[in-house]
């Protein structure tokens, strides 16, 4: 919850800030947090029309997928339905 509160207080969190708070919030070994972030990132990708936000969420989902099978499944699905998500810059 620390990162969500940080983002709510400071809506102008930059790319570095988002990465840092995501890394801190995963808890380095608290795997249930990876599941939570994977679910959020998956839903953001599926429901956002903003490519920059989708790419950010994809990056987070990729990080989670290296630790959790469920996140890996989400990533595989996103790669099928959004095959050009990283190339549309």
N, C-alpha and C. Protein backbone atom coordinates (compact mmCIF):
# COMPACT_ATOMS: atom_id res chain seq x y z
N UNK A 1 0.80 -1.19 0.00
CA UNK A 1 0.00 0.00 0.00
C UNK A 1 0.85 1.27 0.00
N UNK A 2 2.10 1.14 0.40
CA UNK A 2 2.97 2.31 0.45
C UNK A 2 3.05 2.99 -0.91
N UNK A 3 3.21 2.21 -1.99
CA UNK A 3 3.37 2.83 -3.31
C UNK A 3 2.07 3.46 -3.79
N UNK A 4 0.94 2.85 -3.48
CA UNK A 4 -0.33 3.43 -3.90
C UNK A 4 -0.54 4.76 -3.20
N UNK A 5 -0.25 4.82 -1.92
CA UNK A 5 -0.37 6.07 -1.19
C UNK A 5 0.58 7.13 -1.74
N UNK A 6 1.78 6.72 -2.08
CA UNK A 6 2.76 7.65 -2.64
C UNK A 6 2.25 8.21 -3.96
N UNK A 7 1.72 7.36 -4.80
CA UNK A 7 1.23 7.80 -6.10
C UNK A 7 0.02 8.72 -5.93
N UNK A 8 -0.86 8.41 -4.98
CA UNK A 8 -2.03 9.25 -4.76
C UNK A 8 -1.62 10.63 -4.24
N UNK A 9 -0.65 10.70 -3.37
CA UNK A 9 -0.20 11.98 -2.84
C UNK A 9 0.53 12.79 -3.90
N UNK A 10 1.27 12.12 -4.74
CA UNK A 10 2.09 12.80 -5.73
C UNK A 10 1.72 12.29 -7.11
N UNK A 11 0.74 12.88 -7.71
CA UNK A 11 0.22 12.40 -9.00
C UNK A 11 1.22 12.60 -10.13
N UNK A 12 2.28 13.32 -9.91
CA UNK A 12 3.27 13.55 -10.96
C UNK A 12 4.48 12.64 -10.79
N UNK A 13 4.26 11.45 -10.26
CA UNK A 13 5.36 10.50 -10.08
C UNK A 13 5.90 10.14 -11.46
N UNK A 14 7.19 10.32 -11.65
CA UNK A 14 7.81 10.04 -12.94
C UNK A 14 8.09 8.57 -13.13
N UNK A 15 8.68 8.25 -14.24
CA UNK A 15 9.00 6.88 -14.56
C UNK A 15 9.87 6.24 -13.48
N UNK A 16 10.90 6.92 -13.06
CA UNK A 16 11.79 6.37 -12.03
C UNK A 16 11.02 6.15 -10.74
N UNK A 17 10.18 7.10 -10.36
CA UNK A 17 9.41 6.98 -9.13
C UNK A 17 8.48 5.79 -9.15
N UNK A 18 7.82 5.56 -10.26
CA UNK A 18 6.92 4.41 -10.38
C UNK A 18 7.69 3.11 -10.26
N UNK A 19 8.80 3.01 -10.93
CA UNK A 19 9.63 1.81 -10.84
C UNK A 19 10.11 1.58 -9.42
N UNK A 20 10.56 2.65 -8.77
CA UNK A 20 11.08 2.51 -7.43
C UNK A 20 10.00 2.07 -6.46
N UNK A 21 8.84 2.69 -6.51
CA UNK A 21 7.79 2.34 -5.57
C UNK A 21 7.25 0.95 -5.85
N UNK A 22 7.19 0.56 -7.11
CA UNK A 22 6.77 -0.80 -7.47
C UNK A 22 7.76 -1.81 -6.88
N UNK A 23 9.04 -1.55 -7.04
CA UNK A 23 10.05 -2.46 -6.51
C UNK A 23 9.98 -2.56 -4.99
N UNK A 24 9.79 -1.44 -4.34
CA UNK A 24 9.68 -1.46 -2.88
C UNK A 24 8.43 -2.20 -2.43
N UNK A 25 7.34 -2.02 -3.14
CA UNK A 25 6.07 -2.61 -2.73
C UNK A 25 6.01 -4.11 -2.96
N UNK A 26 6.79 -4.62 -3.90
CA UNK A 26 6.77 -6.07 -4.11
C UNK A 26 7.37 -6.80 -2.92
N UNK A 27 8.16 -6.13 -2.14
CA UNK A 27 8.67 -6.69 -0.89
C UNK A 27 9.79 -7.70 -1.06
N UNK A 28 10.35 -7.82 -2.25
CA UNK A 28 11.48 -8.71 -2.46
C UNK A 28 11.27 -10.06 -1.78
N UNK A 29 10.33 -10.84 -2.30
CA UNK A 29 10.10 -12.17 -1.77
C UNK A 29 8.70 -12.39 -1.24
N UNK A 30 7.94 -11.33 -1.09
CA UNK A 30 6.54 -11.47 -0.70
C UNK A 30 5.74 -11.65 -1.98
N UNK A 31 5.63 -12.90 -2.40
CA UNK A 31 5.14 -13.20 -3.73
C UNK A 31 3.68 -12.82 -3.96
N UNK A 32 2.90 -12.70 -2.91
CA UNK A 32 1.51 -12.28 -3.11
C UNK A 32 1.44 -10.87 -3.68
N UNK A 33 2.45 -10.06 -3.40
CA UNK A 33 2.48 -8.71 -3.97
C UNK A 33 2.73 -8.74 -5.48
N UNK A 34 3.52 -9.70 -5.94
CA UNK A 34 3.73 -9.84 -7.37
C UNK A 34 2.42 -10.19 -8.06
N UNK A 35 1.61 -11.05 -7.42
CA UNK A 35 0.31 -11.40 -7.99
C UNK A 35 -0.59 -10.17 -8.07
N UNK A 36 -0.56 -9.36 -7.04
CA UNK A 36 -1.38 -8.14 -7.01
C UNK A 36 -0.96 -7.18 -8.12
N UNK A 37 0.33 -6.91 -8.22
CA UNK A 37 0.81 -6.01 -9.26
C UNK A 37 0.58 -6.57 -10.66
N UNK A 38 0.71 -7.87 -10.82
CA UNK A 38 0.46 -8.49 -12.13
C UNK A 38 -0.99 -8.29 -12.54
N UNK A 39 -1.90 -8.50 -11.60
CA UNK A 39 -3.32 -8.31 -11.90
C UNK A 39 -3.65 -6.87 -12.25
N UNK A 40 -3.07 -5.94 -11.52
CA UNK A 40 -3.29 -4.53 -11.81
C UNK A 40 -2.73 -4.18 -13.18
N UNK A 41 -1.50 -4.59 -13.46
CA UNK A 41 -0.86 -4.28 -14.74
C UNK A 41 -1.65 -4.89 -15.90
N UNK A 42 -2.09 -6.13 -15.75
CA UNK A 42 -2.88 -6.80 -16.78
C UNK A 42 -4.15 -6.00 -17.09
N UNK A 43 -4.86 -5.59 -16.05
CA UNK A 43 -6.10 -4.83 -16.25
C UNK A 43 -5.85 -3.46 -16.84
N UNK A 44 -4.75 -2.83 -16.47
CA UNK A 44 -4.41 -1.53 -17.06
C UNK A 44 -4.17 -1.69 -18.55
N UNK A 45 -3.41 -2.70 -18.93
CA UNK A 45 -3.14 -2.92 -20.36
C UNK A 45 -4.43 -3.16 -21.12
N UNK A 46 -5.30 -3.99 -20.56
CA UNK A 46 -6.54 -4.34 -21.26
C UNK A 46 -7.52 -3.17 -21.33
N UNK A 47 -7.48 -2.25 -20.38
CA UNK A 47 -8.52 -1.23 -20.29
C UNK A 47 -8.06 0.20 -20.61
N UNK A 48 -6.78 0.40 -20.81
CA UNK A 48 -6.29 1.74 -21.10
C UNK A 48 -6.10 1.93 -22.60
N UNK A 49 -6.41 3.10 -23.08
CA UNK A 49 -6.17 3.44 -24.48
C UNK A 49 -4.86 4.20 -24.64
N UNK A 50 -4.21 4.53 -23.54
CA UNK A 50 -2.98 5.30 -23.55
C UNK A 50 -1.79 4.35 -23.69
N UNK A 51 -1.10 4.43 -24.81
CA UNK A 51 0.01 3.51 -25.09
C UNK A 51 1.16 3.66 -24.10
N UNK A 52 1.42 4.87 -23.65
CA UNK A 52 2.51 5.08 -22.69
C UNK A 52 2.19 4.35 -21.38
N UNK A 53 0.96 4.45 -20.94
CA UNK A 53 0.54 3.75 -19.72
C UNK A 53 0.56 2.25 -19.94
N UNK A 54 0.11 1.79 -21.09
CA UNK A 54 0.14 0.36 -21.40
C UNK A 54 1.57 -0.18 -21.36
N UNK A 55 2.50 0.56 -21.94
CA UNK A 55 3.90 0.11 -21.94
C UNK A 55 4.47 0.05 -20.53
N UNK A 56 4.09 1.01 -19.68
CA UNK A 56 4.55 1.00 -18.28
C UNK A 56 4.01 -0.23 -17.57
N UNK A 57 2.73 -0.49 -17.77
CA UNK A 57 2.10 -1.65 -17.15
C UNK A 57 2.73 -2.94 -17.67
N UNK A 58 3.06 -2.96 -18.96
CA UNK A 58 3.71 -4.14 -19.54
C UNK A 58 5.05 -4.41 -18.87
N UNK A 59 5.79 -3.35 -18.64
CA UNK A 59 7.09 -3.48 -17.97
C UNK A 59 6.93 -4.09 -16.57
N UNK A 60 5.94 -3.64 -15.84
CA UNK A 60 5.67 -4.18 -14.51
C UNK A 60 5.24 -5.64 -14.61
N UNK A 61 4.37 -5.93 -15.57
CA UNK A 61 3.91 -7.31 -15.76
C UNK A 61 5.08 -8.23 -16.11
N UNK A 62 5.98 -7.76 -16.93
CA UNK A 62 7.18 -8.54 -17.27
C UNK A 62 8.01 -8.86 -16.03
N UNK A 63 8.18 -7.86 -15.18
CA UNK A 63 8.93 -8.08 -13.95
C UNK A 63 8.27 -9.12 -13.05
N UNK A 64 6.96 -9.05 -12.94
CA UNK A 64 6.22 -10.02 -12.11
C UNK A 64 6.27 -11.42 -12.72
N UNK A 65 6.24 -11.49 -14.05
CA UNK A 65 6.21 -12.78 -14.75
C UNK A 65 7.47 -13.60 -14.52
N UNK A 66 8.55 -12.93 -14.18
CA UNK A 66 9.78 -13.68 -13.94
C UNK A 66 9.75 -14.40 -12.58
N UNK A 67 8.75 -14.08 -11.75
CA UNK A 67 8.64 -14.70 -10.43
C UNK A 67 7.39 -15.55 -10.24
N UNK A 68 6.32 -15.25 -11.00
CA UNK A 68 5.03 -15.89 -10.74
C UNK A 68 4.43 -16.47 -12.02
N UNK A 69 3.98 -17.73 -11.94
CA UNK A 69 3.38 -18.38 -13.10
C UNK A 69 2.12 -17.67 -13.57
N UNK A 70 1.30 -17.22 -12.64
CA UNK A 70 0.06 -16.53 -13.00
C UNK A 70 0.38 -15.26 -13.80
N UNK A 71 1.38 -14.52 -13.39
CA UNK A 71 1.79 -13.32 -14.11
C UNK A 71 2.35 -13.69 -15.48
N UNK A 72 3.04 -14.80 -15.55
CA UNK A 72 3.57 -15.28 -16.83
C UNK A 72 2.43 -15.61 -17.79
N UNK A 73 1.38 -16.20 -17.27
CA UNK A 73 0.20 -16.49 -18.09
C UNK A 73 -0.45 -15.21 -18.60
N UNK A 74 -0.55 -14.21 -17.73
CA UNK A 74 -1.08 -12.91 -18.15
C UNK A 74 -0.23 -12.32 -19.27
N UNK A 75 1.09 -12.40 -19.10
CA UNK A 75 2.00 -11.84 -20.09
C UNK A 75 1.86 -12.55 -21.44
N UNK A 76 1.74 -13.87 -21.41
CA UNK A 76 1.54 -14.62 -22.66
C UNK A 76 0.26 -14.18 -23.36
N UNK A 77 -0.80 -13.99 -22.59
CA UNK A 77 -2.07 -13.54 -23.17
C UNK A 77 -1.94 -12.15 -23.77
N UNK A 78 -1.29 -11.25 -23.05
CA UNK A 78 -1.09 -9.89 -23.57
C UNK A 78 -0.27 -9.93 -24.85
N UNK A 79 0.74 -10.77 -24.90
CA UNK A 79 1.58 -10.87 -26.10
C UNK A 79 0.79 -11.40 -27.30
N UNK A 80 -0.24 -12.19 -27.05
CA UNK A 80 -1.09 -12.69 -28.13
C UNK A 80 -2.02 -11.59 -28.63
N UNK A 81 -2.70 -10.92 -27.70
CA UNK A 81 -3.71 -9.92 -28.08
C UNK A 81 -3.15 -8.53 -28.37
N UNK A 82 -1.97 -8.26 -27.86
CA UNK A 82 -1.32 -6.96 -28.08
C UNK A 82 0.12 -7.19 -28.55
N UNK A 83 0.29 -7.80 -29.71
CA UNK A 83 1.65 -8.20 -30.13
C UNK A 83 2.60 -7.04 -30.40
N UNK A 84 2.08 -5.86 -30.62
CA UNK A 84 2.93 -4.72 -30.95
C UNK A 84 2.99 -3.69 -29.84
N UNK A 85 2.68 -4.08 -28.64
CA UNK A 85 2.59 -3.12 -27.55
C UNK A 85 3.89 -2.33 -27.31
N UNK A 86 5.02 -2.96 -27.50
CA UNK A 86 6.29 -2.27 -27.28
C UNK A 86 6.79 -1.54 -28.51
N UNK A 87 6.31 -1.92 -29.68
CA UNK A 87 6.81 -1.29 -30.90
C UNK A 87 6.01 -0.06 -31.29
N UNK A 88 4.91 0.22 -30.61
CA UNK A 88 4.06 1.35 -30.97
C UNK A 88 4.44 2.59 -30.17
N UNK A 89 5.63 3.04 -30.36
CA UNK A 89 6.10 4.23 -29.61
C UNK A 89 5.96 5.48 -30.39
